[in-house]
Amino acid sequence: MRIAHVNFSDARDGISGSVRSRMEAQKKQGDAPTLFSPLVTTPEADVRQLRPVCQEFATALRGFEQNNGIAGLSAELLLDLWRQPDFLAADIVHLHATTSNYFSLYLLP
């Protein structure tokens, strides 16, 4: 099964480390997990870095999100998900850290 994880960081320690542990367990089961994150500290085959789509649009979204108390994985970075073939092909999507305002829920249908 193809699984997409969306998280604020690709770190192997702390809360982000639990995402990586889950991914390792999924690999052992024969699944194909991929992590999407704006903060990539080590290049790995199963990690994709999210990048802003358009600077002008990103600036406008950042202002909106700051005014509404949203930080971290913002809409400007999440729009890059729709350009990622591994995300589009995923059977399951795990949205990590949504309760800490790391993930902008404004983009979800």
N, C-alpha and C. Protein backbone atom coordinates (compact mmCIF):
# COMPACT_ATOMS: atom_id res chain seq x y z
N MET A 1 0.84 -1.17 0.00
CA MET A 1 0.00 0.00 0.00
C MET A 1 0.90 1.24 0.00
N ARG A 2 0.53 2.25 -0.76
CA ARG A 2 1.28 3.51 -0.81
C ARG A 2 0.70 4.47 0.24
N ILE A 3 1.57 4.96 1.11
CA ILE A 3 1.13 5.80 2.23
C ILE A 3 1.90 7.12 2.21
N ALA A 4 1.18 8.22 2.26
CA ALA A 4 1.79 9.55 2.30
C ALA A 4 1.68 10.10 3.73
N HIS A 5 2.80 10.51 4.28
CA HIS A 5 2.84 11.17 5.58
C HIS A 5 3.17 12.64 5.34
N VAL A 6 2.41 13.54 5.93
CA VAL A 6 2.68 14.98 5.82
C VAL A 6 3.02 15.46 7.22
N ASN A 7 4.24 16.00 7.38
CA ASN A 7 4.70 16.44 8.70
C ASN A 7 5.55 17.69 8.55
N PHE A 8 5.76 18.39 9.65
CA PHE A 8 6.52 19.63 9.65
C PHE A 8 8.01 19.39 9.45
N SER A 9 8.52 18.24 9.85
CA SER A 9 9.96 17.95 9.79
C SER A 9 10.19 16.48 9.47
N ASP A 10 11.38 16.19 8.95
CA ASP A 10 11.76 14.80 8.70
C ASP A 10 12.68 14.27 9.80
N ALA A 11 12.78 14.97 10.91
CA ALA A 11 13.69 14.59 12.00
C ALA A 11 13.41 13.17 12.48
N ARG A 12 14.44 12.53 13.00
CA ARG A 12 14.30 11.17 13.51
C ARG A 12 14.15 11.14 15.03
N ASP A 13 14.05 12.31 15.65
CA ASP A 13 13.88 12.35 17.11
C ASP A 13 12.61 13.12 17.45
N GLY A 14 12.23 13.09 18.71
CA GLY A 14 11.04 13.81 19.16
C GLY A 14 9.78 13.26 18.51
N ILE A 15 8.78 14.12 18.38
CA ILE A 15 7.50 13.71 17.80
C ILE A 15 7.66 13.30 16.34
N SER A 16 8.50 14.02 15.62
CA SER A 16 8.73 13.65 14.22
C SER A 16 9.35 12.27 14.11
N GLY A 17 10.11 11.88 15.12
CA GLY A 17 10.70 10.55 15.13
C GLY A 17 9.66 9.45 15.15
N SER A 18 8.52 9.71 15.77
CA SER A 18 7.45 8.70 15.79
C SER A 18 6.90 8.47 14.38
N VAL A 19 6.89 9.52 13.56
CA VAL A 19 6.46 9.37 12.17
C VAL A 19 7.42 8.44 11.45
N ARG A 20 8.72 8.67 11.67
CA ARG A 20 9.74 7.84 11.01
C ARG A 20 9.66 6.39 11.49
N SER A 21 9.39 6.20 12.78
CA SER A 21 9.24 4.83 13.31
C SER A 21 8.05 4.13 12.65
N ARG A 22 6.97 4.86 12.48
CA ARG A 22 5.78 4.30 11.83
C ARG A 22 6.11 3.92 10.38
N MET A 23 6.86 4.78 9.72
CA MET A 23 7.24 4.49 8.33
C MET A 23 8.09 3.23 8.24
N GLU A 24 9.02 3.06 9.17
CA GLU A 24 9.87 1.86 9.17
C GLU A 24 9.02 0.60 9.38
N ALA A 25 8.06 0.67 10.29
CA ALA A 25 7.15 -0.46 10.52
C ALA A 25 6.33 -0.77 9.27
N GLN A 26 5.88 0.29 8.59
CA GLN A 26 5.11 0.08 7.37
C GLN A 26 5.95 -0.57 6.28
N LYS A 27 7.22 -0.20 6.18
CA LYS A 27 8.11 -0.83 5.19
C LYS A 27 8.26 -2.31 5.48
N LYS A 28 8.38 -2.66 6.77
CA LYS A 28 8.52 -4.07 7.15
C LYS A 28 7.29 -4.89 6.77
N GLN A 29 6.13 -4.22 6.71
CA GLN A 29 4.88 -4.89 6.32
C GLN A 29 4.74 -4.98 4.80
N GLY A 30 5.66 -4.34 4.07
CA GLY A 30 5.59 -4.36 2.62
C GLY A 30 4.93 -3.14 2.02
N ASP A 31 4.59 -2.15 2.86
CA ASP A 31 3.99 -0.92 2.36
C ASP A 31 5.08 0.02 1.82
N ALA A 32 4.65 1.07 1.13
CA ALA A 32 5.57 2.05 0.56
C ALA A 32 5.25 3.44 1.09
N PRO A 33 5.77 3.80 2.28
CA PRO A 33 5.49 5.12 2.83
C PRO A 33 6.41 6.19 2.24
N THR A 34 5.89 7.40 2.12
CA THR A 34 6.66 8.57 1.69
C THR A 34 6.33 9.71 2.63
N LEU A 35 7.36 10.45 3.05
CA LEU A 35 7.18 11.59 3.94
C LEU A 35 7.31 12.88 3.14
N PHE A 36 6.33 13.79 3.30
CA PHE A 36 6.35 15.10 2.67
C PHE A 36 6.53 16.14 3.77
N SER A 37 7.58 16.98 3.64
CA SER A 37 7.91 17.91 4.72
C SER A 37 8.65 19.13 4.16
N PRO A 38 8.40 20.32 4.73
CA PRO A 38 9.17 21.49 4.28
C PRO A 38 10.57 21.51 4.88
N LEU A 39 10.78 20.88 6.03
CA LEU A 39 12.10 20.85 6.67
C LEU A 39 12.72 19.48 6.46
N VAL A 40 13.62 19.39 5.51
CA VAL A 40 14.30 18.14 5.21
C VAL A 40 15.75 18.28 5.62
N THR A 41 16.17 17.46 6.59
CA THR A 41 17.54 17.55 7.11
C THR A 41 18.48 16.55 6.47
N THR A 42 17.97 15.43 6.00
CA THR A 42 18.81 14.43 5.35
C THR A 42 18.11 13.93 4.09
N PRO A 43 18.81 13.95 2.96
CA PRO A 43 18.18 13.46 1.72
C PRO A 43 18.02 11.94 1.78
N GLU A 44 16.79 11.49 1.60
CA GLU A 44 16.49 10.06 1.59
C GLU A 44 15.48 9.79 0.49
N ALA A 45 15.48 8.57 0.00
CA ALA A 45 14.62 8.20 -1.12
C ALA A 45 13.14 8.31 -0.79
N ASP A 46 12.77 8.16 0.49
CA ASP A 46 11.35 8.18 0.85
C ASP A 46 10.90 9.51 1.45
N VAL A 47 11.68 10.58 1.25
CA VAL A 47 11.35 11.91 1.77
C VAL A 47 11.28 12.89 0.61
N ARG A 48 10.20 13.67 0.56
CA ARG A 48 10.02 14.70 -0.47
C ARG A 48 9.91 16.06 0.21
N GLN A 49 10.68 17.03 -0.25
CA GLN A 49 10.62 18.37 0.35
C GLN A 49 9.52 19.19 -0.31
N LEU A 50 8.71 19.84 0.52
CA LEU A 50 7.66 20.73 0.02
C LEU A 50 8.24 22.12 -0.16
N ARG A 51 7.95 22.74 -1.28
CA ARG A 51 8.47 24.07 -1.58
C ARG A 51 7.32 25.01 -1.94
N PRO A 52 7.49 26.31 -1.67
CA PRO A 52 6.45 27.27 -2.05
C PRO A 52 6.18 27.22 -3.55
N VAL A 53 4.93 27.42 -3.93
CA VAL A 53 4.52 27.33 -5.33
C VAL A 53 4.80 28.63 -6.08
N CYS A 54 4.40 29.74 -5.54
CA CYS A 54 4.54 31.04 -6.19
C CYS A 54 4.77 32.09 -5.11
N GLN A 55 5.82 32.88 -5.22
CA GLN A 55 6.19 33.79 -4.14
C GLN A 55 5.08 34.81 -3.81
N GLU A 56 4.44 35.40 -4.82
CA GLU A 56 3.40 36.39 -4.55
C GLU A 56 2.21 35.75 -3.84
N PHE A 57 1.82 34.59 -4.32
CA PHE A 57 0.71 33.87 -3.71
C PHE A 57 1.08 33.44 -2.29
N ALA A 58 2.32 32.97 -2.14
CA ALA A 58 2.80 32.53 -0.82
C ALA A 58 2.77 33.67 0.18
N THR A 59 3.16 34.86 -0.24
CA THR A 59 3.16 36.02 0.66
C THR A 59 1.75 36.35 1.11
N ALA A 60 0.78 36.32 0.19
CA ALA A 60 -0.61 36.61 0.54
C ALA A 60 -1.16 35.55 1.50
N LEU A 61 -0.88 34.29 1.22
CA LEU A 61 -1.36 33.23 2.11
C LEU A 61 -0.72 33.31 3.49
N ARG A 62 0.57 33.62 3.52
CA ARG A 62 1.27 33.71 4.80
C ARG A 62 0.63 34.80 5.67
N GLY A 63 0.28 35.94 5.07
CA GLY A 63 -0.38 37.01 5.81
C GLY A 63 -1.73 36.57 6.34
N PHE A 64 -2.50 35.89 5.52
CA PHE A 64 -3.80 35.39 5.94
C PHE A 64 -3.66 34.42 7.11
N GLU A 65 -2.71 33.51 6.99
CA GLU A 65 -2.53 32.49 8.02
C GLU A 65 -2.03 33.09 9.33
N GLN A 66 -1.13 34.06 9.24
CA GLN A 66 -0.64 34.71 10.46
C GLN A 66 -1.77 35.44 11.17
N ASN A 67 -2.65 36.06 10.40
CA ASN A 67 -3.79 36.76 11.00
C ASN A 67 -4.79 35.80 11.64
N ASN A 68 -4.77 34.55 11.20
CA ASN A 68 -5.70 33.56 11.73
C ASN A 68 -5.03 32.56 12.67
N GLY A 69 -3.79 32.83 13.06
CA GLY A 69 -3.11 32.00 14.04
C GLY A 69 -2.62 30.67 13.52
N ILE A 70 -2.30 30.59 12.25
CA ILE A 70 -1.80 29.34 11.67
C ILE A 70 -0.31 29.50 11.39
N ALA A 71 0.46 28.47 11.71
CA ALA A 71 1.90 28.52 11.45
C ALA A 71 2.39 27.14 11.04
N GLY A 72 3.61 27.09 10.53
CA GLY A 72 4.22 25.80 10.22
C GLY A 72 3.92 25.34 8.81
N LEU A 73 3.25 24.21 8.67
CA LEU A 73 2.91 23.66 7.37
C LEU A 73 1.73 24.43 6.80
N SER A 74 2.03 25.49 6.12
CA SER A 74 0.98 26.40 5.67
C SER A 74 0.50 26.03 4.27
N ALA A 75 -0.53 26.71 3.86
CA ALA A 75 -1.14 26.45 2.55
C ALA A 75 -0.14 26.62 1.42
N GLU A 76 0.76 27.59 1.53
CA GLU A 76 1.72 27.82 0.45
C GLU A 76 2.57 26.58 0.20
N LEU A 77 2.93 25.86 1.25
CA LEU A 77 3.72 24.66 1.08
C LEU A 77 2.86 23.46 0.72
N LEU A 78 1.66 23.41 1.27
CA LEU A 78 0.80 22.26 1.01
C LEU A 78 0.31 22.22 -0.43
N LEU A 79 0.25 23.37 -1.09
CA LEU A 79 -0.14 23.35 -2.49
C LEU A 79 0.85 22.55 -3.32
N ASP A 80 2.09 22.46 -2.87
CA ASP A 80 3.09 21.67 -3.58
C ASP A 80 2.75 20.18 -3.55
N LEU A 81 1.94 19.76 -2.58
CA LEU A 81 1.54 18.34 -2.53
C LEU A 81 0.84 17.91 -3.82
N TRP A 82 0.05 18.81 -4.39
CA TRP A 82 -0.73 18.46 -5.58
C TRP A 82 0.15 18.30 -6.81
N ARG A 83 1.45 18.64 -6.70
CA ARG A 83 2.39 18.44 -7.81
C ARG A 83 3.26 17.21 -7.58
N GLN A 84 3.06 16.50 -6.49
CA GLN A 84 3.91 15.36 -6.13
C GLN A 84 3.24 14.06 -6.57
N PRO A 85 3.81 13.35 -7.53
CA PRO A 85 3.20 12.09 -7.99
C PRO A 85 3.02 11.07 -6.87
N ASP A 86 3.96 10.99 -5.93
CA ASP A 86 3.84 10.03 -4.83
C ASP A 86 2.66 10.36 -3.92
N PHE A 87 2.35 11.63 -3.77
CA PHE A 87 1.19 12.02 -2.96
C PHE A 87 -0.10 11.67 -3.70
N LEU A 88 -0.15 11.98 -4.97
CA LEU A 88 -1.36 11.71 -5.75
C LEU A 88 -1.64 10.22 -5.87
N ALA A 89 -0.59 9.40 -5.82
CA ALA A 89 -0.76 7.95 -5.95
C ALA A 89 -1.01 7.26 -4.61
N ALA A 90 -0.97 8.00 -3.52
CA ALA A 90 -1.10 7.39 -2.19
C ALA A 90 -2.49 6.80 -1.98
N ASP A 91 -2.51 5.64 -1.33
CA ASP A 91 -3.76 4.99 -0.95
C ASP A 91 -4.26 5.55 0.38
N ILE A 92 -3.33 5.97 1.24
CA ILE A 92 -3.64 6.51 2.57
C ILE A 92 -2.81 7.77 2.78
N VAL A 93 -3.39 8.78 3.40
CA VAL A 93 -2.66 10.01 3.74
C VAL A 93 -2.74 10.21 5.25
N HIS A 94 -1.59 10.33 5.90
CA HIS A 94 -1.53 10.62 7.33
C HIS A 94 -1.17 12.10 7.48
N LEU A 95 -2.02 12.87 8.12
CA LEU A 95 -1.75 14.29 8.39
C LEU A 95 -1.28 14.39 9.84
N HIS A 96 -0.01 14.62 10.04
CA HIS A 96 0.56 14.66 11.38
C HIS A 96 0.56 16.09 11.91
N ALA A 97 0.46 16.23 13.21
CA ALA A 97 0.56 17.51 13.92
C ALA A 97 -0.52 18.52 13.54
N THR A 98 -1.71 18.07 13.19
CA THR A 98 -2.77 19.02 12.82
C THR A 98 -3.26 19.81 14.02
N THR A 99 -3.19 19.25 15.20
CA THR A 99 -3.72 19.96 16.37
C THR A 99 -2.80 21.06 16.87
N SER A 100 -1.57 21.12 16.37
CA SER A 100 -0.63 22.16 16.79
C SER A 100 -0.53 23.28 15.78
N ASN A 101 -1.51 23.37 14.89
CA ASN A 101 -1.52 24.37 13.82
C ASN A 101 -0.33 24.26 12.89
N TYR A 102 0.24 23.05 12.76
CA TYR A 102 1.32 22.85 11.80
C TYR A 102 0.77 22.60 10.41
N PHE A 103 -0.49 22.29 10.32
CA PHE A 103 -1.09 21.91 9.04
C PHE A 103 -2.29 22.81 8.79
N SER A 104 -2.30 23.49 7.69
CA SER A 104 -3.40 24.39 7.37
C SER A 104 -4.60 23.60 6.86
N LEU A 105 -5.64 23.52 7.66
CA LEU A 105 -6.83 22.77 7.26
C LEU A 105 -7.68 23.50 6.24
N TYR A 106 -7.33 24.75 5.92
CA TYR A 106 -8.10 25.50 4.93
C TYR A 106 -8.03 24.87 3.54
N LEU A 107 -7.01 24.05 3.27
CA LEU A 107 -6.86 23.47 1.94
C LEU A 107 -7.63 22.18 1.74
N LEU A 108 -8.12 21.61 2.82
CA LEU A 108 -8.82 20.33 2.69
C LEU A 108 -10.24 20.53 2.19
N PRO A 109 -10.70 19.63 1.30
CA PRO A 109 -12.07 19.77 0.80
C PRO A 109 -13.09 19.46 1.87
